[in-house]
N, C-alpha and C. Protein backbone atom coordinates (compact mmCIF):
# COMPACT_ATOMS: atom_id res chain seq x y z
N MET A 1 0.98 -1.24 0.05
CA MET A 1 -0.29 -0.21 -0.14
C MET A 1 1.06 1.48 -0.13
N CYS A 2 1.80 1.19 0.63
CA CYS A 2 2.83 2.20 0.76
C CYS A 2 3.42 2.63 -0.55
N LEU A 3 3.88 1.73 -1.36
CA LEU A 3 4.51 1.94 -2.40
C LEU A 3 3.64 2.12 -3.38
N ILE A 4 2.43 1.98 -3.61
CA ILE A 4 1.20 2.22 -4.59
C ILE A 4 1.04 3.69 -4.22
N LEU A 5 0.80 4.14 -2.94
CA LEU A 5 0.46 5.61 -2.79
C LEU A 5 2.07 6.37 -3.65
N THR A 6 2.80 5.88 -3.07
CA THR A 6 4.40 6.84 -3.68
C THR A 6 4.39 6.69 -5.02
N TYR A 7 4.05 5.50 -5.80
CA TYR A 7 3.81 5.84 -7.15
C TYR A 7 2.88 6.60 -7.79
N SER A 8 1.98 6.80 -7.00
CA SER A 8 0.25 7.47 -7.51
C SER A 8 1.10 9.02 -7.30
N SER A 9 1.94 9.47 -6.44
CA SER A 9 2.55 10.53 -5.83
C SER A 9 3.42 11.43 -6.53
N LEU A 10 4.28 10.14 -7.51
CA LEU A 10 5.55 10.60 -8.30
C LEU A 10 5.11 11.84 -9.35
N ASP A 11 3.94 11.67 -10.07
CA ASP A 11 4.00 12.91 -11.10
C ASP A 11 3.13 14.07 -10.30
N ALA A 12 2.92 13.91 -8.69
CA ALA A 12 2.25 15.20 -8.48
C ALA A 12 3.15 16.15 -8.09
N LYS A 13 3.82 16.71 -9.07
CA LYS A 13 4.92 17.69 -8.92
C LYS A 13 4.79 19.26 -8.12
N LYS A 14 3.37 19.48 -7.73
CA LYS A 14 3.47 20.50 -6.78
C LYS A 14 3.09 20.05 -5.41
N THR A 15 3.05 18.66 -5.12
CA THR A 15 2.28 18.74 -4.28
C THR A 15 3.34 17.52 -3.32
N TRP A 16 4.41 17.16 -3.85
CA TRP A 16 5.20 16.03 -3.24
C TRP A 16 5.59 16.27 -1.95
N TRP A 17 6.09 17.64 -1.69
CA TRP A 17 6.18 17.88 0.14
C TRP A 17 4.98 17.38 0.71
N LEU A 18 3.81 17.62 0.63
CA LEU A 18 2.47 17.53 1.16
C LEU A 18 2.28 15.92 1.20
N ALA A 19 2.84 15.28 0.32
CA ALA A 19 2.88 13.59 -0.14
C ALA A 19 3.94 13.21 1.23
N GLY A 20 4.92 13.90 1.39
CA GLY A 20 6.03 13.23 2.17
C GLY A 20 5.66 13.73 3.40
N THR A 21 4.98 14.82 3.60
CA THR A 21 4.80 15.03 4.96
C THR A 21 3.77 14.51 5.81
N LEU A 22 2.88 13.79 4.77
CA LEU A 22 1.68 12.79 5.35
C LEU A 22 2.34 11.44 5.78
N ALA A 23 3.27 11.22 4.66
CA ALA A 23 3.90 10.07 5.17
C ALA A 23 4.84 9.86 5.97
N VAL A 24 5.52 10.96 6.50
CA VAL A 24 6.07 10.78 7.74
C VAL A 24 5.48 11.01 9.13
N LEU A 25 4.19 11.88 8.94
CA LEU A 25 3.37 12.20 10.13
C LEU A 25 2.47 10.57 10.31
N SER A 26 2.08 10.00 9.03
CA SER A 26 1.27 8.69 9.24
C SER A 26 2.14 7.67 9.68
N LEU A 27 3.47 7.79 9.60
CA LEU A 27 4.53 6.67 10.05
C LEU A 27 4.44 7.06 11.70
N SER A 28 4.84 8.29 12.12
CA SER A 28 4.88 8.69 13.44
C SER A 28 3.45 8.63 14.32
N VAL A 29 2.35 8.52 13.93
CA VAL A 29 1.12 8.01 14.70
C VAL A 29 1.23 6.70 14.61
N MET A 30 1.41 5.91 13.67
CA MET A 30 1.74 4.65 13.93
C MET A 30 2.63 3.86 15.01
N LEU A 31 3.93 4.80 15.07
CA LEU A 31 4.92 4.50 16.15
C LEU A 31 4.17 5.12 17.65
N LEU A 32 3.81 5.86 17.46
CA LEU A 32 3.13 6.59 18.75
C LEU A 32 1.98 6.05 19.38
N LEU A 33 1.06 5.82 18.54
CA LEU A 33 -0.26 5.28 19.23
C LEU A 33 -0.05 4.13 20.15
N PRO A 34 0.51 2.88 20.05
CA PRO A 34 0.55 1.87 21.06
C PRO A 34 1.02 2.75 22.44
N SER A 35 1.89 3.09 22.47
CA SER A 35 2.09 3.58 24.02
C SER A 35 1.32 5.12 24.32
N TYR A 36 0.75 5.49 23.63
CA TYR A 36 -0.22 6.67 23.91
C TYR A 36 -1.61 5.94 24.46
N LEU A 37 -1.92 4.68 23.77
CA LEU A 37 -3.08 3.92 24.09
C LEU A 37 -2.92 3.22 25.58
N GLN A 38 -1.70 2.90 25.70
CA GLN A 38 -1.31 2.14 26.92
C GLN A 38 -1.35 3.18 28.24
N SER A 39 -0.67 4.34 27.72
CA SER A 39 -1.11 5.75 28.83
C SER A 39 -2.17 6.08 28.94
N HIS A 40 -3.41 6.03 27.95
CA HIS A 40 -4.59 6.35 28.42
C HIS A 40 -5.73 5.64 27.87
N PRO A 41 -5.81 4.36 28.81
CA PRO A 41 -6.97 3.31 28.21
C PRO A 41 -8.61 3.50 28.34
N ASP A 42 -8.69 4.79 28.85
CA ASP A 42 -9.90 5.12 29.04
C ASP A 42 -10.48 5.76 27.75
N LEU A 43 -9.51 5.88 26.64
CA LEU A 43 -10.26 6.43 25.62
C LEU A 43 -10.62 5.35 24.78
N LEU A 44 -10.64 3.92 24.82
CA LEU A 44 -11.19 2.67 24.61
C LEU A 44 -12.02 2.24 25.30
N SER A 45 -12.99 2.57 24.55
CA SER A 45 -14.44 2.15 25.26
C SER A 45 -15.06 0.67 25.31
N ASP A 46 -14.55 -0.05 24.66
CA ASP A 46 -14.63 -1.61 24.78
C ASP A 46 -13.84 -2.14 25.86
N ALA A 47 -14.46 -2.65 26.81
CA ALA A 47 -13.65 -3.49 28.18
C ALA A 47 -12.59 -4.41 27.41
N TYR A 48 -12.94 -5.19 26.31
CA TYR A 48 -12.54 -6.51 26.01
C TYR A 48 -10.78 -5.63 25.31
N TYR A 49 -10.93 -4.58 24.69
CA TYR A 49 -9.73 -3.96 24.26
C TYR A 49 -8.86 -3.31 25.36
N LYS A 50 -9.69 -2.88 26.09
CA LYS A 50 -9.16 -1.98 27.18
C LYS A 50 -8.24 -3.02 27.85
N ALA A 51 -8.72 -4.59 28.23
CA ALA A 51 -8.45 -5.29 28.94
C ALA A 51 -6.71 -5.54 28.34
N LEU A 52 -6.97 -5.89 26.92
CA LEU A 52 -5.68 -6.59 26.11
C LEU A 52 -4.48 -5.66 26.05
N MET A 53 -4.87 -3.99 26.11
CA MET A 53 -4.15 -2.82 26.44
C MET A 53 -3.48 -3.14 27.53
N ALA A 54 -4.22 -3.48 28.57
CA ALA A 54 -3.50 -3.31 29.89
C ALA A 54 -2.56 -4.23 30.14
N SER A 55 -3.06 -5.21 29.55
CA SER A 55 -1.46 -6.67 29.79
C SER A 55 -0.84 -6.70 28.67
N SER A 56 -0.83 -5.62 27.91
CA SER A 56 0.17 -5.68 26.55
C SER A 56 1.67 -5.27 27.16
N GLU A 57 2.34 -6.17 26.19
CA GLU A 57 3.89 -5.73 26.39
C GLU A 57 4.20 -4.38 26.07
N LYS A 58 4.98 -3.54 26.99
CA LYS A 58 5.53 -2.36 26.77
C LYS A 58 5.92 -1.93 25.50
N SER A 59 5.25 -0.89 24.91
CA SER A 59 5.65 -0.71 23.68
C SER A 59 6.76 0.52 23.76
N ASP A 60 7.88 0.07 22.91
CA ASP A 60 8.98 1.02 22.71
C ASP A 60 9.14 1.52 21.34
N MET A 61 8.22 1.34 20.44
CA MET A 61 8.11 2.12 19.37
C MET A 61 8.41 3.68 18.94
N LYS A 62 8.46 4.25 19.84
CA LYS A 62 8.54 5.48 19.90
C LYS A 62 10.13 5.99 19.48
N VAL A 63 11.17 4.97 20.10
CA VAL A 63 12.68 5.07 19.80
C VAL A 63 12.82 5.51 18.05
N TRP A 64 11.87 4.79 17.45
CA TRP A 64 12.38 4.59 16.09
C TRP A 64 11.94 6.07 15.50
N LEU A 65 11.32 7.34 16.31
CA LEU A 65 11.49 8.45 16.01
C LEU A 65 12.66 8.88 16.15
N PHE A 66 13.48 8.49 16.75
CA PHE A 66 14.90 9.36 16.94
C PHE A 66 15.75 8.68 15.96
N ALA A 67 15.63 7.98 15.24
CA ALA A 67 16.13 7.22 13.95
C ALA A 67 15.75 8.05 12.95
N PHE A 68 14.78 8.81 12.90
CA PHE A 68 14.55 9.55 11.66
C PHE A 68 15.95 9.89 10.89
N PRO A 69 16.27 11.01 11.95
CA PRO A 69 17.64 11.91 11.09
C PRO A 69 18.70 11.01 10.46
N LEU A 70 18.99 10.01 11.11
CA LEU A 70 19.79 8.92 10.76
C LEU A 70 19.59 8.38 9.07
N MET A 71 18.07 8.16 9.29
CA MET A 71 17.83 7.22 8.24
C MET A 71 17.78 8.39 6.91
N ILE A 72 17.04 9.45 6.85
CA ILE A 72 17.25 10.58 6.14
C ILE A 72 18.59 10.48 5.72
N TYR A 73 19.45 10.91 6.81
CA TYR A 73 21.16 10.82 6.08
C TYR A 73 21.40 9.37 5.34
N LEU A 74 20.83 8.49 5.34
CA LEU A 74 21.14 7.19 4.78
C LEU A 74 20.75 7.23 3.77
N GLY A 75 19.60 7.61 3.35
CA GLY A 75 18.78 7.94 2.09
C GLY A 75 19.74 8.76 1.32
N SER A 76 20.41 10.24 1.71
CA SER A 76 21.14 10.84 0.92
C SER A 76 22.23 9.84 0.56
N VAL A 77 22.82 9.17 1.67
CA VAL A 77 23.94 8.51 1.24
C VAL A 77 23.62 7.73 0.03
N LEU A 78 23.00 6.91 0.17
CA LEU A 78 22.24 5.89 -0.99
C LEU A 78 22.27 6.40 -1.92
N LYS A 79 21.52 7.62 -2.05
CA LYS A 79 21.31 8.45 -3.52
C LYS A 79 22.63 8.92 -3.92
N TYR A 80 23.38 9.38 -3.25
CA TYR A 80 24.71 9.76 -3.49
C TYR A 80 25.44 8.46 -4.13
N LEU A 81 25.79 7.00 -3.76
CA LEU A 81 26.22 5.75 -4.07
C LEU A 81 25.69 5.61 -5.59
N PHE A 82 24.32 5.74 -5.43
CA PHE A 82 23.67 5.29 -6.61
C PHE A 82 23.40 6.47 -7.61
N ARG A 83 24.25 7.35 -7.68
CA ARG A 83 23.87 8.51 -8.33
C ARG A 83 23.93 8.34 -9.70
N ASN A 84 24.80 7.40 -10.18
CA ASN A 84 25.36 6.89 -11.78
C ASN A 84 24.44 5.84 -12.24
N VAL A 85 23.38 5.40 -11.41
CA VAL A 85 22.67 3.98 -12.03
C VAL A 85 21.58 4.41 -12.53
N GLU A 86 21.36 3.96 -13.97
CA GLU A 86 20.63 4.49 -14.70
C GLU A 86 19.08 4.92 -13.98
N PRO A 87 18.56 3.76 -13.61
CA PRO A 87 17.09 4.08 -13.15
C PRO A 87 17.47 5.22 -12.14
N VAL A 88 17.80 5.21 -11.32
CA VAL A 88 18.28 6.19 -9.86
C VAL A 88 17.84 7.49 -10.86
N MET A 89 18.80 7.78 -12.10
CA MET A 89 18.88 9.27 -12.52
C MET A 89 17.55 9.19 -13.00
N GLU A 90 17.06 8.32 -13.37
CA GLU A 90 15.43 8.79 -14.12
C GLU A 90 14.39 9.60 -13.27
N PHE A 91 15.12 9.38 -11.80
CA PHE A 91 13.87 10.18 -10.75
C PHE A 91 14.30 11.55 -10.80
N SER A 92 13.48 12.20 -9.87
CA SER A 92 14.09 13.51 -9.03
C SER A 92 13.98 13.38 -7.76
N ALA A 93 14.82 14.37 -7.11
CA ALA A 93 15.30 14.14 -5.90
C ALA A 93 13.78 13.90 -4.88
N ALA A 94 12.83 14.57 -5.51
CA ALA A 94 11.46 14.61 -4.55
C ALA A 94 10.89 12.91 -4.40
N SER A 95 11.13 12.53 -5.79
CA SER A 95 10.47 11.24 -6.13
C SER A 95 11.18 10.33 -5.45
N LEU A 96 12.63 9.96 -5.27
CA LEU A 96 13.81 9.05 -4.76
C LEU A 96 13.14 9.40 -3.25
N GLY A 97 13.05 10.72 -2.77
CA GLY A 97 12.46 10.77 -1.61
C GLY A 97 11.47 10.15 -0.87
N LEU A 98 10.25 10.01 -1.92
CA LEU A 98 8.95 9.45 -1.63
C LEU A 98 9.05 7.83 -1.75
N ILE A 99 9.89 7.55 -2.37
CA ILE A 99 10.18 6.22 -2.71
C ILE A 99 10.91 5.85 -1.47
N TYR A 100 12.04 6.28 -0.98
CA TYR A 100 12.38 6.14 0.36
C TYR A 100 11.70 6.00 1.62
N ILE A 101 11.15 6.88 1.57
CA ILE A 101 9.72 7.03 2.88
C ILE A 101 9.10 5.79 2.50
N ALA A 102 8.39 5.80 1.46
CA ALA A 102 7.56 4.48 1.35
C ALA A 102 8.16 3.07 1.78
N LEU A 103 9.61 2.59 1.35
CA LEU A 103 10.06 1.64 1.64
C LEU A 103 10.18 1.60 3.13
N LEU A 104 10.85 2.58 3.80
CA LEU A 104 10.98 2.80 5.59
C LEU A 104 9.59 2.53 5.98
N GLN A 105 8.41 2.87 5.74
CA GLN A 105 6.94 2.73 6.32
C GLN A 105 6.83 1.21 6.13
N ALA A 106 7.28 0.56 4.86
CA ALA A 106 6.76 -0.61 4.59
C ALA A 106 7.66 -1.36 5.76
N VAL A 107 8.68 -1.40 6.13
CA VAL A 107 9.75 -2.18 6.68
C VAL A 107 9.49 -2.10 8.29
N ILE A 108 9.30 -1.15 8.35
CA ILE A 108 9.09 -0.47 10.13
C ILE A 108 7.47 -0.80 10.30
N LEU A 109 6.35 -0.98 9.17
CA LEU A 109 5.34 -1.56 9.65
C LEU A 109 5.21 -2.80 9.57
N SER A 110 6.21 -3.62 8.86
CA SER A 110 6.08 -4.95 8.88
C SER A 110 7.05 -5.52 9.94
N LEU A 111 7.92 -5.04 10.27
CA LEU A 111 8.98 -5.61 11.57
C LEU A 111 8.89 -5.04 12.95
N VAL A 112 8.20 -3.90 12.83
CA VAL A 112 7.65 -3.31 14.14
C VAL A 112 6.34 -3.13 14.66
N VAL A 113 5.70 -2.50 13.89
CA VAL A 113 4.37 -2.34 14.16
C VAL A 113 3.54 -3.43 14.16
N LEU A 114 3.30 -3.77 13.19
CA LEU A 114 2.41 -5.17 12.99
C LEU A 114 2.36 -6.37 14.03
N PRO A 115 3.97 -6.67 14.12
CA PRO A 115 4.33 -8.04 15.03
C PRO A 115 3.66 -7.49 16.37
N TRP A 116 4.00 -6.03 16.94
CA TRP A 116 3.17 -5.85 18.32
C TRP A 116 1.86 -5.74 18.15
N TRP A 117 0.94 -5.41 17.20
CA TRP A 117 -0.49 -5.37 17.22
C TRP A 117 -0.68 -6.92 17.29
N SER A 118 -0.22 -7.71 16.57
CA SER A 118 -0.37 -9.04 16.17
C SER A 118 -0.34 -9.52 17.68
N GLN A 119 0.80 -9.49 18.27
CA GLN A 119 0.88 -10.27 19.74
C GLN A 119 0.13 -9.61 20.38
N THR A 120 -0.36 -8.35 20.76
CA THR A 120 -1.16 -7.79 21.66
C THR A 120 -2.25 -8.33 21.56
N LEU A 121 -3.52 -8.48 20.01
CA LEU A 121 -4.46 -8.72 19.96
C LEU A 121 -4.89 -10.27 19.89
N GLN A 122 -3.60 -11.15 19.74
CA GLN A 122 -3.79 -12.55 19.50
C GLN A 122 -3.17 -13.28 20.83
N SER A 123 -2.17 -12.77 21.53
CA SER A 123 -1.70 -13.45 22.33
C SER A 123 -2.50 -14.11 23.46
N PRO A 124 -3.82 -13.81 24.07
CA PRO A 124 -4.72 -14.67 24.87
C PRO A 124 -5.52 -15.76 24.04
N ILE A 125 -5.87 -15.41 23.11
CA ILE A 125 -6.51 -16.55 22.05
C ILE A 125 -5.57 -17.62 21.41
N LYS A 126 -4.24 -16.94 21.16
CA LYS A 126 -3.29 -18.24 20.71
C LYS A 126 -2.74 -19.07 22.06
N GLY A 127 -2.76 -18.53 23.20
CA GLY A 127 -2.17 -19.40 24.39
C GLY A 127 -3.48 -20.14 25.03
N LEU A 128 -4.53 -19.69 24.88
CA LEU A 128 -5.62 -20.47 25.48
C LEU A 128 -6.28 -21.64 24.20
N ALA A 129 -5.62 -21.42 23.07
CA ALA A 129 -5.92 -22.28 22.12
C ALA A 129 -4.74 -23.48 22.00
N GLN A 130 -3.78 -23.26 22.13
CA GLN A 130 -2.36 -23.66 22.29
C GLN A 130 -2.29 -24.82 23.57
N LYS A 131 -2.69 -24.30 24.69
CA LYS A 131 -3.10 -25.20 25.88
C LYS A 131 -4.09 -26.50 25.68
N HIS A 132 -5.21 -25.94 25.03
CA HIS A 132 -6.27 -27.21 24.82
C HIS A 132 -6.29 -27.83 23.41
N GLN A 133 -5.15 -27.59 22.57
CA GLN A 133 -4.93 -28.26 21.67
C GLN A 133 -5.13 -29.68 21.44
N ALA A 134 -4.59 -30.08 22.29
CA ALA A 134 -4.29 -31.61 22.69
C ALA A 134 -5.86 -32.14 23.08
N ASP A 135 -6.49 -31.29 23.71
CA ASP A 135 -7.72 -31.76 24.41
C ASP A 135 -8.91 -32.01 23.03
N HIS A 136 -9.61 -32.92 22.60
CA HIS A 136 -10.16 -33.19 21.69
C HIS A 136 -11.69 -32.84 22.03
N SER A 137 -12.17 -32.45 23.02
CA SER A 137 -13.37 -32.05 23.35
C SER A 137 -13.89 -30.90 22.86
N SER A 138 -15.19 -30.49 22.73
CA SER A 138 -15.70 -29.48 21.83
C SER A 138 -15.51 -28.22 22.60
N ILE A 139 -15.22 -27.34 22.43
CA ILE A 139 -14.89 -26.01 22.61
C ILE A 139 -15.48 -24.74 21.95
N VAL A 140 -16.86 -24.28 22.32
CA VAL A 140 -17.48 -23.55 21.58
C VAL A 140 -17.30 -22.00 21.78
N GLN A 141 -17.29 -21.05 21.31
CA GLN A 141 -17.31 -19.83 21.17
C GLN A 141 -18.68 -18.96 21.92
N TRP A 142 -18.68 -18.43 23.03
CA TRP A 142 -20.31 -17.97 23.58
C TRP A 142 -20.08 -16.49 23.64
N GLY A 143 -20.44 -15.67 23.24
CA GLY A 143 -20.72 -14.39 23.35
C GLY A 143 -19.19 -13.60 22.92
N VAL A 144 -18.28 -14.39 21.98
CA VAL A 144 -17.08 -13.74 21.58
C VAL A 144 -17.11 -14.63 19.81
N HIS A 145 -16.55 -13.56 18.81
CA HIS A 145 -16.03 -13.99 17.83
C HIS A 145 -14.70 -13.96 17.25
N LEU A 146 -14.03 -15.06 17.89
CA LEU A 146 -12.92 -14.89 17.67
C LEU A 146 -12.26 -16.45 16.46
N PRO A 147 -12.27 -16.46 15.28
CA PRO A 147 -11.82 -17.33 14.37
C PRO A 147 -10.80 -17.81 14.31
N SER A 148 -9.83 -17.10 14.97
CA SER A 148 -8.37 -17.63 14.91
C SER A 148 -8.12 -18.35 16.20
N PHE A 149 -8.96 -18.54 17.06
CA PHE A 149 -9.07 -19.72 18.33
C PHE A 149 -9.09 -21.25 17.57
N ALA A 150 -10.01 -20.99 16.21
CA ALA A 150 -10.23 -22.28 16.00
C ALA A 150 -8.75 -22.52 15.01
N THR A 151 -8.38 -21.31 14.62
CA THR A 151 -7.54 -21.71 13.53
C THR A 151 -6.02 -22.23 14.65
N TYR A 152 -5.82 -21.72 15.46
CA TYR A 152 -4.63 -22.22 16.70
C TYR A 152 -5.01 -23.52 17.17
N ARG A 153 -6.08 -23.82 17.44
CA ARG A 153 -6.37 -24.91 17.98
C ARG A 153 -6.33 -26.00 16.98
N GLN A 154 -6.74 -25.93 15.77
CA GLN A 154 -6.83 -26.49 14.52
C GLN A 154 -8.00 -27.61 15.26
N GLN A 155 -9.11 -27.18 15.54
CA GLN A 155 -10.10 -27.67 15.81
C GLN A 155 -11.71 -26.77 15.30
N GLU A 156 -12.63 -27.38 14.91
CA GLU A 156 -13.83 -26.16 14.88
C GLU A 156 -14.05 -25.90 16.17
N SER A 157 -14.57 -24.35 16.32
CA SER A 157 -15.18 -23.81 17.33
C SER A 157 -16.28 -23.08 17.11
N PRO A 158 -17.36 -23.75 17.07
CA PRO A 158 -18.59 -22.99 16.56
C PRO A 158 -19.17 -21.93 17.63
N ARG A 159 -19.83 -20.73 16.97
CA ARG A 159 -20.32 -19.78 17.97
C ARG A 159 -22.07 -20.45 18.40
N ARG A 160 -22.07 -20.36 19.41
CA ARG A 160 -23.16 -20.65 20.31
C ARG A 160 -23.06 -21.47 21.84
N GLU A 161 -24.45 -21.13 22.75
CA GLU A 161 -24.13 -21.44 24.04
C GLU A 161 -23.77 -22.82 24.18
N PRO A 162 -22.96 -23.13 25.16
CA PRO A 162 -22.44 -24.67 25.38
C PRO A 162 -23.65 -25.38 25.83
N ARG A 163 -23.30 -26.75 25.29
CA ARG A 163 -24.54 -27.80 25.97
C ARG A 163 -24.31 -28.19 27.69
N PRO A 164 -24.72 -28.99 28.09
CA PRO A 164 -24.29 -29.51 29.32
C PRO A 164 -23.40 -30.32 29.17
N GLY A 165 -22.09 -29.98 29.91
CA GLY A 165 -21.11 -30.74 30.06
C GLY A 165 -19.90 -30.11 29.07
N GLU A 166 -20.45 -29.07 28.17
CA GLU A 166 -19.44 -28.60 27.00
C GLU A 166 -18.86 -27.09 27.54
N MET A 167 -17.55 -27.11 26.91
CA MET A 167 -16.41 -25.98 27.38
C MET A 167 -16.98 -24.99 26.70
N ALA A 168 -16.65 -23.44 26.67
CA ALA A 168 -16.73 -22.50 25.68
C ALA A 168 -15.79 -21.38 26.20
N LEU A 169 -15.43 -20.74 25.19
CA LEU A 169 -14.55 -19.52 25.46
C LEU A 169 -15.32 -18.45 25.67
N VAL A 170 -15.21 -17.85 26.66
CA VAL A 170 -15.77 -16.52 26.96
C VAL A 170 -15.21 -15.12 27.36
N LYS A 171 -15.75 -14.05 27.37
CA LYS A 171 -14.93 -12.92 27.67
C LYS A 171 -15.14 -12.97 29.42
N ASN A 172 -14.03 -12.34 29.91
CA ASN A 172 -14.53 -12.97 31.40
C ASN A 172 -14.28 -11.46 31.95
N MET A 173 -14.60 -10.37 31.70
CA MET A 173 -14.42 -8.80 32.17
C MET A 173 -15.62 -8.90 33.13
N LYS A 174 -16.83 -9.33 32.45
CA LYS A 174 -18.26 -9.28 33.26
C LYS A 174 -18.98 -10.48 32.88
N PRO A 175 -18.66 -11.62 33.79
CA PRO A 175 -19.16 -12.83 33.71
C PRO A 175 -20.50 -13.11 33.59
N TYR A 176 -21.08 -13.46 32.31
CA TYR A 176 -22.22 -13.74 32.06
C TYR A 176 -22.85 -15.23 32.04
N TRP A 177 -21.70 -16.23 32.62
CA TRP A 177 -22.22 -17.58 32.96
C TRP A 177 -22.60 -17.45 34.15
N PRO A 178 -23.46 -18.73 34.73
CA PRO A 178 -24.07 -18.96 35.68
C PRO A 178 -22.71 -19.17 37.17
N SER A 179 -22.87 -18.71 37.87
CA SER A 179 -21.76 -19.06 38.96
C SER A 179 -21.42 -20.36 39.42
N ASP A 180 -22.01 -21.48 39.14
CA ASP A 180 -21.73 -22.61 39.17
C ASP A 180 -21.12 -23.27 38.50
N TRP A 181 -20.60 -22.65 37.46
CA TRP A 181 -19.64 -23.21 35.72
C TRP A 181 -18.37 -23.20 36.54
N GLU A 182 -17.67 -24.02 36.14
CA GLU A 182 -16.53 -24.39 36.44
C GLU A 182 -15.28 -23.45 35.71
N VAL A 183 -14.43 -22.82 35.83
CA VAL A 183 -13.37 -21.67 35.11
C VAL A 183 -12.24 -22.77 34.76
N ILE A 184 -11.84 -23.15 33.78
CA ILE A 184 -11.23 -24.13 33.74
C ILE A 184 -9.69 -23.42 32.84
N ASP A 185 -9.48 -22.33 32.71
CA ASP A 185 -8.11 -21.73 32.27
C ASP A 185 -8.42 -20.25 32.11
N VAL A 186 -7.65 -19.43 32.30
CA VAL A 186 -8.11 -17.71 32.04
C VAL A 186 -6.57 -17.36 31.51
N ASP A 187 -7.03 -16.37 30.60
CA ASP A 187 -5.38 -15.63 29.70
C ASP A 187 -5.92 -14.21 29.40
N GLY A 188 -5.57 -13.48 30.49
CA GLY A 188 -6.15 -12.07 29.86
C GLY A 188 -7.41 -11.98 30.11
N PRO A 189 -8.31 -11.29 28.90
CA PRO A 189 -9.88 -11.11 29.20
C PRO A 189 -10.57 -12.12 29.21
N LEU A 190 -9.87 -13.26 28.01
CA LEU A 190 -10.49 -14.49 28.11
C LEU A 190 -10.55 -15.54 28.94
N SER A 191 -11.56 -16.29 28.93
CA SER A 191 -12.01 -17.76 30.11
C SER A 191 -11.79 -18.97 29.22
N ILE A 192 -11.66 -20.19 29.63
CA ILE A 192 -12.68 -21.12 29.17
C ILE A 192 -13.45 -21.61 30.36
N VAL A 193 -14.51 -21.94 30.34
CA VAL A 193 -15.51 -22.33 31.32
C VAL A 193 -16.20 -23.64 30.99
N LYS A 194 -16.64 -24.26 32.05
CA LYS A 194 -17.52 -25.42 31.50
C LYS A 194 -18.47 -25.64 32.20
N SER A 195 -19.86 -25.99 31.44
CA SER A 195 -21.03 -26.20 32.24
C SER A 195 -21.04 -27.28 32.75
N PRO A 196 -21.87 -27.38 34.15
CA PRO A 196 -22.12 -28.81 34.58
C PRO A 196 -22.88 -29.54 33.86
N ASP A 197 -22.76 -30.97 33.85
CA ASP A 197 -23.44 -31.94 33.15
C ASP A 197 -24.87 -32.17 33.39
């Protein structure tokens, strides 16, 4: 997506600076958002996501902002080193700058930002699924819709209320199952509970 947006901006000769500014701003937001949400969980209205953020690993992505000057300097060095390479000569300085920012965004997004979000949002689901992967008993999803649970567990996990003696994956912030049900496992905002026979 970053590369496509850059390609579409290459001919925008009068607005290349605007495209570059927006690209740097969007990258800054991507890096600052996780730590900001961790410091201000009240901004999240959904209790499930608030619990996920509260139990998430501390984000240090903002340190990448201090690397911006070094990355800009590196971009200038690369342009100088490849100044006689024909494909590079065909682009203007502005175009090369936009391409460089797009590549930088793609690398940081795929190696820094997305892994943190994946770990934060999927860790409890993956943890519970892997703990119960060897157990071939039915575990339904009750009050949640998390298809990745079935994927990690490699077993079907239909969305419905559990039958007597059946286990269910539930959200545990506000228990909505009867108090006599057994809590089998807990991970962050998720639990596996079992209804009595």
